[in-house]
Amino acid sequence: MRLKDKKIIVTAAAQGIGRATAMMFSKEGASVIATDINEEKLTELNKENNSIKTQKLDATNKNAVEDFCASIETVDVLFHAVGFVHHGTLLECDDTEFQRSVNVNVYSAYLMSYNLLPKMLDKGKGNIIIVSSAASNVKGAPNRFIYSTTKAALNGFVKALAADYVRNGIRCNAILPGTVETPSWEGRVNMADDPKQARKDFIARQAMGRLAQPKEIASLATYLASDESDFVTGTLNLIDGGWTL
């Protein structure tokens, strides 16, 4: 019960990292509100664990985020996992794709943090955890131009927010996974010309010779959400199986 009595909001909670984290937070005693744009998958999550409250939410929609956050009386932790992986180089990223990635990967984090931070400041304590990526300013990855750019921006976001509010009881940290075996990853692999080879290539670039599992990311998230990490803020926590070695 490491998160007993903590009220936590998890975004992108319907599948993958977000889902595994919402489940683990609940198991550790937190009161969890799981949000996502995929209402069907949220319903499945609630059926598996009916102590998790669910709410359909487009975290890139300003009005929707404002309405949702206004309905929240108090919050201890925001775990923000919204993200989109664009495949391509700079010349394969047109204006529409550029704006989409910035909107999903960066603007959503801004909207959620901007609207929930005042509630944390009122309490004199709060915790924001952002899912970034090893593919960012930390590691250059082929065909990940705008994805890496936006994740690098999130790393700066975390550092700046942590520095600005460290004396107000607010912590902010980032989790930087390598490749994680999620439905999103499976979808990208299956879209490749040769899915079997794509799968092998993804695994080969991980120094440990395997992909991360969502529950492994959730374990790190649980530590960062708990009081055990009260002296931790502004950190970029790599969990990449040695990819960046």
C-alpha atoms as a PDB file:
ATOM      1  CA  MET A   1       0.000   0.000   0.000  1.00  0.00           C
ATOM      2  CA  ARG A   2       2.762   2.426  -0.934  1.00  0.00           C
ATOM      3  CA  LEU A   3       0.270   4.884  -2.432  1.00  0.00           C
ATOM      4  CA  LYS A   4      -2.431   4.661   0.245  1.00  0.00           C
ATOM      5  CA  ASP A   5      -4.730   7.712   0.314  1.00  0.00           C
ATOM      6  CA  LYS A   6      -3.122   9.292  -2.756  1.00  0.00           C
ATOM      7  CA  LYS A   7      -5.438  10.632  -5.433  1.00  0.00           C
ATOM      8  CA  ILE A   8      -3.891  10.073  -8.857  1.00  0.00           C
ATOM      9  CA  ILE A   9      -4.913  10.963 -12.391  1.00  0.00           C
ATOM     10  CA  VAL A  10      -3.531   8.755 -15.151  1.00  0.00           C
ATOM     11  CA  THR A  11      -3.800   9.811 -18.797  1.00  0.00           C
ATOM     12  CA  ALA A  12      -3.586   7.420 -21.768  1.00  0.00           C
ATOM     13  CA  ALA A  13      -4.712   4.761 -19.314  1.00  0.00           C
ATOM     14  CA  ALA A  14      -6.648   2.505 -21.667  1.00  0.00           C
ATOM     15  CA  GLN A  15      -3.677   0.492 -22.929  1.00  0.00           C
ATOM     16  CA  GLY A  16       0.044  -0.099 -22.600  1.00  0.00           C
ATOM     17  CA  ILE A  17       2.102   1.867 -20.074  1.00  0.00           C
ATOM     18  CA  GLY A  18      -0.819   3.964 -18.869  1.00  0.00           C
ATOM     19  CA  ARG A  19      -3.018   0.945 -18.231  1.00  0.00           C
ATOM     20  CA  ALA A  20      -0.313  -1.020 -16.414  1.00  0.00           C
ATOM     21  CA  THR A  21       0.466   2.025 -14.287  1.00  0.00           C
ATOM     22  CA  ALA A  22      -3.163   2.716 -13.389  1.00  0.00           C
ATOM     23  CA  MET A  23      -3.530  -0.921 -12.331  1.00  0.00           C
ATOM     24  CA  MET A  24      -0.376  -0.871 -10.207  1.00  0.00           C
ATOM     25  CA  PHE A  25      -1.253   2.482  -8.616  1.00  0.00           C
ATOM     26  CA  SER A  26      -4.628   1.064  -7.610  1.00  0.00           C
ATOM     27  CA  LYS A  27      -3.047  -2.120  -6.269  1.00  0.00           C
ATOM     28  CA  GLU A  28      -0.755   0.030  -4.127  1.00  0.00           C
ATOM     29  CA  GLY A  29      -3.721   1.770  -2.519  1.00  0.00           C
ATOM     30  CA  ALA A  30      -4.207   4.896  -4.637  1.00  0.00           C
ATOM     31  CA  SER A  31      -7.541   6.326  -5.659  1.00  0.00           C
ATOM     32  CA  VAL A  32      -7.144   6.392  -9.441  1.00  0.00           C
ATOM     33  CA  ILE A  33      -8.992   8.258 -12.156  1.00  0.00           C
ATOM     34  CA  ALA A  34      -8.017   6.757 -15.508  1.00  0.00           C
ATOM     35  CA  THR A  35      -8.539   8.867 -18.622  1.00  0.00           C
ATOM     36  CA  ASP A  36      -8.188   8.163 -22.327  1.00  0.00           C
ATOM     37  CA  ILE A  37      -9.892   8.904 -25.653  1.00  0.00           C
ATOM     38  CA  ASN A  38     -10.613   5.179 -26.076  1.00  0.00           C
ATOM     39  CA  GLU A  39     -13.828   4.720 -24.114  1.00  0.00           C
ATOM     40  CA  GLU A  40     -14.170   1.039 -25.042  1.00  0.00           C
ATOM     41  CA  LYS A  41     -10.779   0.140 -23.595  1.00  0.00           C
ATOM     42  CA  LEU A  42     -11.476   2.248 -20.507  1.00  0.00           C
ATOM     43  CA  THR A  43     -14.620   0.198 -19.934  1.00  0.00           C
ATOM     44  CA  GLU A  44     -12.537  -2.984 -20.128  1.00  0.00           C
ATOM     45  CA  LEU A  45     -10.102  -1.517 -17.582  1.00  0.00           C
ATOM     46  CA  ASN A  46     -12.952  -0.688 -15.202  1.00  0.00           C
ATOM     47  CA  LYS A  47     -14.372  -4.211 -15.543  1.00  0.00           C
ATOM     48  CA  GLU A  48     -11.013  -5.676 -14.576  1.00  0.00           C
ATOM     49  CA  ASN A  49     -10.603  -3.274 -11.654  1.00  0.00           C
ATOM     50  CA  ASN A  50     -13.803  -1.522 -10.678  1.00  0.00           C
ATOM     51  CA  SER A  51     -12.071   0.532  -8.001  1.00  0.00           C
ATOM     52  CA  ILE A  52     -10.488   2.562 -10.822  1.00  0.00           C
ATOM     53  CA  LYS A  53     -12.739   5.391 -11.948  1.00  0.00           C
ATOM     54  CA  THR A  54     -12.655   6.079 -15.668  1.00  0.00           C
ATOM     55  CA  GLN A  55     -13.321   9.196 -17.705  1.00  0.00           C
ATOM     56  CA  LYS A  56     -13.144   9.686 -21.453  1.00  0.00           C
ATOM     57  CA  LEU A  57     -10.830  12.626 -22.111  1.00  0.00           C
ATOM     58  CA  ASP A  58      -9.008  14.095 -25.078  1.00  0.00           C
ATOM     59  CA  ALA A  59      -5.986  15.619 -23.356  1.00  0.00           C
ATOM     60  CA  THR A  60      -5.305  17.834 -26.388  1.00  0.00           C
ATOM     61  CA  ASN A  61      -8.728  19.505 -26.152  1.00  0.00           C
ATOM     62  CA  LYS A  62      -8.474  22.670 -24.059  1.00  0.00           C
ATOM     63  CA  ASN A  63     -12.162  22.894 -23.156  1.00  0.00           C
ATOM     64  CA  ALA A  64     -12.402  19.200 -22.300  1.00  0.00           C
ATOM     65  CA  VAL A  65      -9.313  19.338 -20.075  1.00  0.00           C
ATOM     66  CA  GLU A  66     -10.533  22.476 -18.310  1.00  0.00           C
ATOM     67  CA  ASP A  67     -13.940  20.904 -17.638  1.00  0.00           C
ATOM     68  CA  PHE A  68     -12.399  17.677 -16.400  1.00  0.00           C
ATOM     69  CA  CYS A  69      -9.901  19.392 -14.101  1.00  0.00           C
ATOM     70  CA  ALA A  70     -12.592  21.691 -12.742  1.00  0.00           C
ATOM     71  CA  SER A  71     -14.477  18.576 -11.620  1.00  0.00           C
ATOM     72  CA  ILE A  72     -11.442  17.376  -9.643  1.00  0.00           C
ATOM     73  CA  GLU A  73     -11.483  18.636  -6.075  1.00  0.00           C
ATOM     74  CA  THR A  74      -8.008  17.529  -5.122  1.00  0.00           C
ATOM     75  CA  VAL A  75      -5.106  15.619  -6.690  1.00  0.00           C
ATOM     76  CA  ASP A  76      -1.772  14.341  -5.412  1.00  0.00           C
ATOM     77  CA  VAL A  77      -0.201  12.928  -8.573  1.00  0.00           C
ATOM     78  CA  LEU A  78      -0.581  13.419 -12.302  1.00  0.00           C
ATOM     79  CA  PHE A  79       0.847  10.581 -14.376  1.00  0.00           C
ATOM     80  CA  HIS A  80       0.820  11.781 -17.976  1.00  0.00           C
ATOM     81  CA  ALA A  81       1.431   9.129 -20.633  1.00  0.00           C
ATOM     82  CA  VAL A  82      -0.236  10.635 -23.712  1.00  0.00           C
ATOM     83  CA  GLY A  83       1.959  10.267 -26.786  1.00  0.00           C
ATOM     84  CA  PHE A  84       2.132   9.587 -30.496  1.00  0.00           C
ATOM     85  CA  VAL A  85       5.025   8.014 -32.404  1.00  0.00           C
ATOM     86  CA  HIS A  86       5.555   9.495 -35.868  1.00  0.00           C
ATOM     87  CA  HIS A  87       7.763   7.411 -38.138  1.00  0.00           C
ATOM     88  CA  GLY A  88      10.005   9.421 -40.446  1.00  0.00           C
ATOM     89  CA  THR A  89      12.816  11.905 -41.012  1.00  0.00           C
ATOM     90  CA  LEU A  90      12.517  15.697 -41.173  1.00  0.00           C
ATOM     91  CA  LEU A  91      11.683  15.567 -44.891  1.00  0.00           C
ATOM     92  CA  GLU A  92       8.994  12.975 -44.184  1.00  0.00           C
ATOM     93  CA  CYS A  93       7.337  15.164 -41.577  1.00  0.00           C
ATOM     94  CA  ASP A  94       5.078  17.733 -43.191  1.00  0.00           C
ATOM     95  CA  ASP A  95       3.443  20.649 -41.428  1.00  0.00           C
ATOM     96  CA  THR A  96       0.346  18.658 -40.496  1.00  0.00           C
ATOM     97  CA  GLU A  97       2.353  15.808 -38.963  1.00  0.00           C
ATOM     98  CA  PHE A  98       4.614  18.280 -37.166  1.00  0.00           C
ATOM     99  CA  GLN A  99       1.682  20.090 -35.558  1.00  0.00           C
ATOM    100  CA  ARG A 100      -0.053  16.826 -34.665  1.00  0.00           C
ATOM    101  CA  SER A 101       2.971  15.503 -32.793  1.00  0.00           C
ATOM    102  CA  VAL A 102       3.529  18.762 -30.935  1.00  0.00           C
ATOM    103  CA  ASN A 103      -0.144  18.853 -30.008  1.00  0.00           C
ATOM    104  CA  VAL A 104      -0.312  15.273 -28.741  1.00  0.00           C
ATOM    105  CA  ASN A 105       3.118  14.950 -27.151  1.00  0.00           C
ATOM    106  CA  VAL A 106       3.728  18.419 -25.705  1.00  0.00           C
ATOM    107  CA  TYR A 107       0.541  20.474 -25.632  1.00  0.00           C
ATOM    108  CA  SER A 108      -1.377  17.738 -23.791  1.00  0.00           C
ATOM    109  CA  ALA A 109       1.258  17.733 -21.029  1.00  0.00           C
ATOM    110  CA  TYR A 110       0.994  21.518 -20.804  1.00  0.00           C
ATOM    111  CA  LEU A 111      -2.814  21.467 -20.610  1.00  0.00           C
ATOM    112  CA  MET A 112      -2.984  18.794 -17.918  1.00  0.00           C
ATOM    113  CA  SER A 113      -0.220  20.337 -15.821  1.00  0.00           C
ATOM    114  CA  TYR A 114      -1.480  23.903 -16.228  1.00  0.00           C
ATOM    115  CA  ASN A 115      -4.940  22.966 -14.997  1.00  0.00           C
ATOM    116  CA  LEU A 116      -3.943  20.622 -12.164  1.00  0.00           C
ATOM    117  CA  LEU A 117      -0.882  22.401 -10.768  1.00  0.00           C
ATOM    118  CA  PRO A 118      -2.955  25.108  -8.971  1.00  0.00           C
ATOM    119  CA  LYS A 119      -4.774  22.366  -7.027  1.00  0.00           C
ATOM    120  CA  MET A 120      -1.414  20.949  -5.941  1.00  0.00           C
ATOM    121  CA  LEU A 121      -0.142  24.385  -4.948  1.00  0.00           C
ATOM    122  CA  ASP A 122      -3.239  24.880  -2.804  1.00  0.00           C
ATOM    123  CA  LYS A 123      -2.322  21.694  -0.914  1.00  0.00           C
ATOM    124  CA  GLY A 124       1.317  22.688  -0.660  1.00  0.00           C
ATOM    125  CA  LYS A 125       2.363  19.378  -2.208  1.00  0.00           C
ATOM    126  CA  GLY A 126       2.060  17.697  -5.580  1.00  0.00           C
ATOM    127  CA  ASN A 127       3.747  15.366  -8.016  1.00  0.00           C
ATOM    128  CA  ILE A 128       3.801  15.354 -11.817  1.00  0.00           C
ATOM    129  CA  ILE A 129       5.268  12.402 -13.712  1.00  0.00           C
ATOM    130  CA  ILE A 130       5.690  12.684 -17.475  1.00  0.00           C
ATOM    131  CA  VAL A 131       6.331   9.766 -19.827  1.00  0.00           C
ATOM    132  CA  SER A 132       9.022  10.952 -22.226  1.00  0.00           C
ATOM    133  CA  SER A 133      11.443   8.718 -24.145  1.00  0.00           C
ATOM    134  CA  ALA A 134      15.072   7.711 -24.442  1.00  0.00           C
ATOM    135  CA  ALA A 135      14.652   8.809 -28.077  1.00  0.00           C
ATOM    136  CA  SER A 136      14.939  12.522 -27.355  1.00  0.00           C
ATOM    137  CA  ASN A 137      17.885  14.793 -26.561  1.00  0.00           C
ATOM    138  CA  VAL A 138      19.347  11.709 -24.854  1.00  0.00           C
ATOM    139  CA  LYS A 139      19.485   9.335 -27.824  1.00  0.00           C
ATOM    140  CA  GLY A 140      19.255   9.940 -31.545  1.00  0.00           C
ATOM    141  CA  ALA A 141      16.988   7.360 -33.185  1.00  0.00           C
ATOM    142  CA  PRO A 142      16.550   6.874 -36.940  1.00  0.00           C
ATOM    143  CA  ASN A 143      13.177   7.884 -38.419  1.00  0.00           C
ATOM    144  CA  ARG A 144      12.037   9.558 -35.223  1.00  0.00           C
ATOM    145  CA  PHE A 145      12.587  13.224 -36.098  1.00  0.00           C
ATOM    146  CA  ILE A 146       9.483  14.893 -34.669  1.00  0.00           C
ATOM    147  CA  TYR A 147       8.937  12.243 -32.004  1.00  0.00           C
ATOM    148  CA  SER A 148      12.441  12.815 -30.620  1.00  0.00           C
ATOM    149  CA  THR A 149      12.017  16.578 -30.918  1.00  0.00           C
ATOM    150  CA  THR A 150       8.818  16.581 -28.885  1.00  0.00           C
ATOM    151  CA  LYS A 151      10.214  14.200 -26.279  1.00  0.00           C
ATOM    152  CA  ALA A 152      13.271  16.424 -25.903  1.00  0.00           C
ATOM    153  CA  ALA A 153      10.852  19.304 -25.331  1.00  0.00           C
ATOM    154  CA  LEU A 154       9.133  17.266 -22.602  1.00  0.00           C
ATOM    155  CA  ASN A 155      12.473  16.711 -20.881  1.00  0.00           C
ATOM    156  CA  GLY A 156      12.977  20.477 -20.796  1.00  0.00           C
ATOM    157  CA  PHE A 157       9.381  20.897 -19.616  1.00  0.00           C
ATOM    158  CA  VAL A 158      10.057  18.630 -16.649  1.00  0.00           C
ATOM    159  CA  LYS A 159      13.307  20.364 -15.692  1.00  0.00           C
ATOM    160  CA  ALA A 160      11.745  23.823 -15.891  1.00  0.00           C
ATOM    161  CA  LEU A 161       8.606  22.930 -13.957  1.00  0.00           C
ATOM    162  CA  ALA A 162      10.650  21.220 -11.249  1.00  0.00           C
ATOM    163  CA  ALA A 163      12.956  24.231 -10.884  1.00  0.00           C
ATOM    164  CA  ASP A 164      10.111  26.749 -10.725  1.00  0.00           C
ATOM    165  CA  TYR A 165       8.088  24.982  -8.033  1.00  0.00           C
ATOM    166  CA  VAL A 166      10.610  23.028  -5.967  1.00  0.00           C
ATOM    167  CA  ARG A 167      10.118  25.394  -3.003  1.00  0.00           C
ATOM    168  CA  ASN A 168       6.343  25.040  -3.249  1.00  0.00           C
ATOM    169  CA  GLY A 169       6.254  21.335  -2.485  1.00  0.00           C
ATOM    170  CA  ILE A 170       5.901  20.319  -6.136  1.00  0.00           C
ATOM    171  CA  ARG A 171       7.956  17.556  -7.706  1.00  0.00           C
ATOM    172  CA  CYS A 172       8.201  16.797 -11.420  1.00  0.00           C
ATOM    173  CA  ASN A 173      10.068  13.905 -12.993  1.00  0.00           C
ATOM    174  CA  ALA A 174      10.220  12.156 -16.348  1.00  0.00           C
ATOM    175  CA  ILE A 175      10.347   8.493 -17.282  1.00  0.00           C
ATOM    176  CA  LEU A 176      12.360   7.763 -20.440  1.00  0.00           C
ATOM    177  CA  PRO A 177      11.607   4.252 -21.697  1.00  0.00           C
ATOM    178  CA  GLY A 178      13.347   2.430 -24.476  1.00  0.00           C
ATOM    179  CA  THR A 179      11.112   0.239 -26.619  1.00  0.00           C
ATOM    180  CA  VAL A 180       8.156  -1.146 -24.685  1.00  0.00           C
ATOM    181  CA  GLU A 181       5.984  -4.048 -25.810  1.00  0.00           C
ATOM    182  CA  THR A 182       2.606  -2.310 -26.016  1.00  0.00           C
ATOM    183  CA  PRO A 183      -0.394  -2.405 -28.379  1.00  0.00           C
ATOM    184  CA  SER A 184       0.918   0.815 -29.929  1.00  0.00           C
ATOM    185  CA  TRP A 185       4.270  -0.829 -30.645  1.00  0.00           C
ATOM    186  CA  GLU A 186       2.556  -3.939 -32.030  1.00  0.00           C
ATOM    187  CA  GLY A 187       0.546  -1.735 -34.380  1.00  0.00           C
ATOM    188  CA  ARG A 188       3.669  -0.008 -35.719  1.00  0.00           C
ATOM    189  CA  VAL A 189       5.429  -3.344 -36.235  1.00  0.00           C
ATOM    190  CA  ASN A 190       2.481  -4.818 -38.108  1.00  0.00           C
ATOM    191  CA  MET A 191       2.436  -1.819 -40.461  1.00  0.00           C
ATOM    192  CA  ALA A 192       6.038  -2.471 -41.537  1.00  0.00           C
ATOM    193  CA  ASP A 193       6.792  -4.006 -44.932  1.00  0.00           C
ATOM    194  CA  ASP A 194       8.267  -6.991 -43.111  1.00  0.00           C
ATOM    195  CA  PRO A 195       6.732  -7.200 -39.614  1.00  0.00           C
ATOM    196  CA  LYS A 196       8.844 -10.194 -38.602  1.00  0.00           C
ATOM    197  CA  GLN A 197      12.080  -8.373 -39.477  1.00  0.00           C
ATOM    198  CA  ALA A 198      10.851  -5.150 -37.863  1.00  0.00           C
ATOM    199  CA  ARG A 199      10.238  -7.035 -34.643  1.00  0.00           C
ATOM    200  CA  LYS A 200      13.755  -8.500 -34.746  1.00  0.00           C
ATOM    201  CA  ASP A 201      15.269  -5.068 -35.429  1.00  0.00           C
ATOM    202  CA  PHE A 202      13.504  -3.474 -32.465  1.00  0.00           C
ATOM    203  CA  ILE A 203      14.695  -6.224 -30.143  1.00  0.00           C
ATOM    204  CA  ALA A 204      18.238  -6.188 -31.532  1.00  0.00           C
ATOM    205  CA  ARG A 205      18.778  -2.522 -30.670  1.00  0.00           C
ATOM    206  CA  GLN A 206      18.043  -3.175 -26.992  1.00  0.00           C
ATOM    207  CA  ALA A 207      21.298  -4.087 -25.271  1.00  0.00           C
ATOM    208  CA  MET A 208      19.512  -6.605 -23.041  1.00  0.00           C
ATOM    209  CA  GLY A 209      18.130  -8.368 -26.091  1.00  0.00           C
ATOM    210  CA  ARG A 210      14.477  -7.899 -25.190  1.00  0.00           C
ATOM    211  CA  LEU A 211      11.787  -5.246 -24.993  1.00  0.00           C
ATOM    212  CA  ALA A 212      10.527  -3.668 -21.791  1.00  0.00           C
ATOM    213  CA  GLN A 213       7.180  -4.739 -20.386  1.00  0.00           C
ATOM    214  CA  PRO A 214       4.611  -2.098 -19.374  1.00  0.00           C
ATOM    215  CA  LYS A 215       4.619  -3.323 -15.771  1.00  0.00           C
ATOM    216  CA  GLU A 216       8.344  -2.528 -15.544  1.00  0.00           C
ATOM    217  CA  ILE A 217       7.629   1.095 -16.435  1.00  0.00           C
ATOM    218  CA  ALA A 218       4.743   1.029 -13.957  1.00  0.00           C
ATOM    219  CA  SER A 219       7.101  -0.103 -11.196  1.00  0.00           C
ATOM    220  CA  LEU A 220       9.322   2.925 -11.737  1.00  0.00           C
ATOM    221  CA  ALA A 221       6.242   5.145 -11.891  1.00  0.00           C
ATOM    222  CA  THR A 222       5.058   3.728  -8.559  1.00  0.00           C
ATOM    223  CA  TYR A 223       8.348   4.650  -6.923  1.00  0.00           C
ATOM    224  CA  LEU A 224       8.193   8.180  -8.322  1.00  0.00           C
ATOM    225  CA  ALA A 225       4.556   8.547  -7.205  1.00  0.00           C
ATOM    226  CA  SER A 226       5.304   7.344  -3.684  1.00  0.00           C
ATOM    227  CA  ASP A 227       6.695   9.218  -0.695  1.00  0.00           C
ATOM    228  CA  GLU A 228       9.824   7.074  -1.022  1.00  0.00           C
ATOM    229  CA  SER A 229      10.956   9.453  -3.760  1.00  0.00           C
ATOM    230  CA  ASP A 230      10.146  12.679  -1.888  1.00  0.00           C
ATOM    231  CA  PHE A 231      13.704  13.987  -2.419  1.00  0.00           C
ATOM    232  CA  VAL A 232      13.592  13.299  -6.167  1.00  0.00           C
ATOM    233  CA  THR A 233      12.661  16.058  -8.600  1.00  0.00           C
ATOM    234  CA  GLY A 234      13.715  17.268 -12.030  1.00  0.00           C
ATOM    235  CA  THR A 235      15.125  13.880 -13.018  1.00  0.00           C
ATOM    236  CA  LEU A 236      15.109  12.103 -16.382  1.00  0.00           C
ATOM    237  CA  ASN A 237      14.815   8.435 -15.459  1.00  0.00           C
ATOM    238  CA  LEU A 238      16.085   6.151 -18.205  1.00  0.00           C
ATOM    239  CA  ILE A 239      14.565   2.666 -18.303  1.00  0.00           C
ATOM    240  CA  ASP A 240      15.829   1.467 -21.660  1.00  0.00           C
ATOM    241  CA  GLY A 241      17.516  -1.894 -21.238  1.00  0.00           C
ATOM    242  CA  GLY A 242      20.907  -0.332 -21.983  1.00  0.00           C
ATOM    243  CA  TRP A 243      19.914   1.210 -25.320  1.00  0.00           C
ATOM    244  CA  THR A 244      21.676   4.474 -24.474  1.00  0.00           C
ATOM    245  CA  LEU A 245      24.863   2.876 -23.143  1.00  0.00           C
END
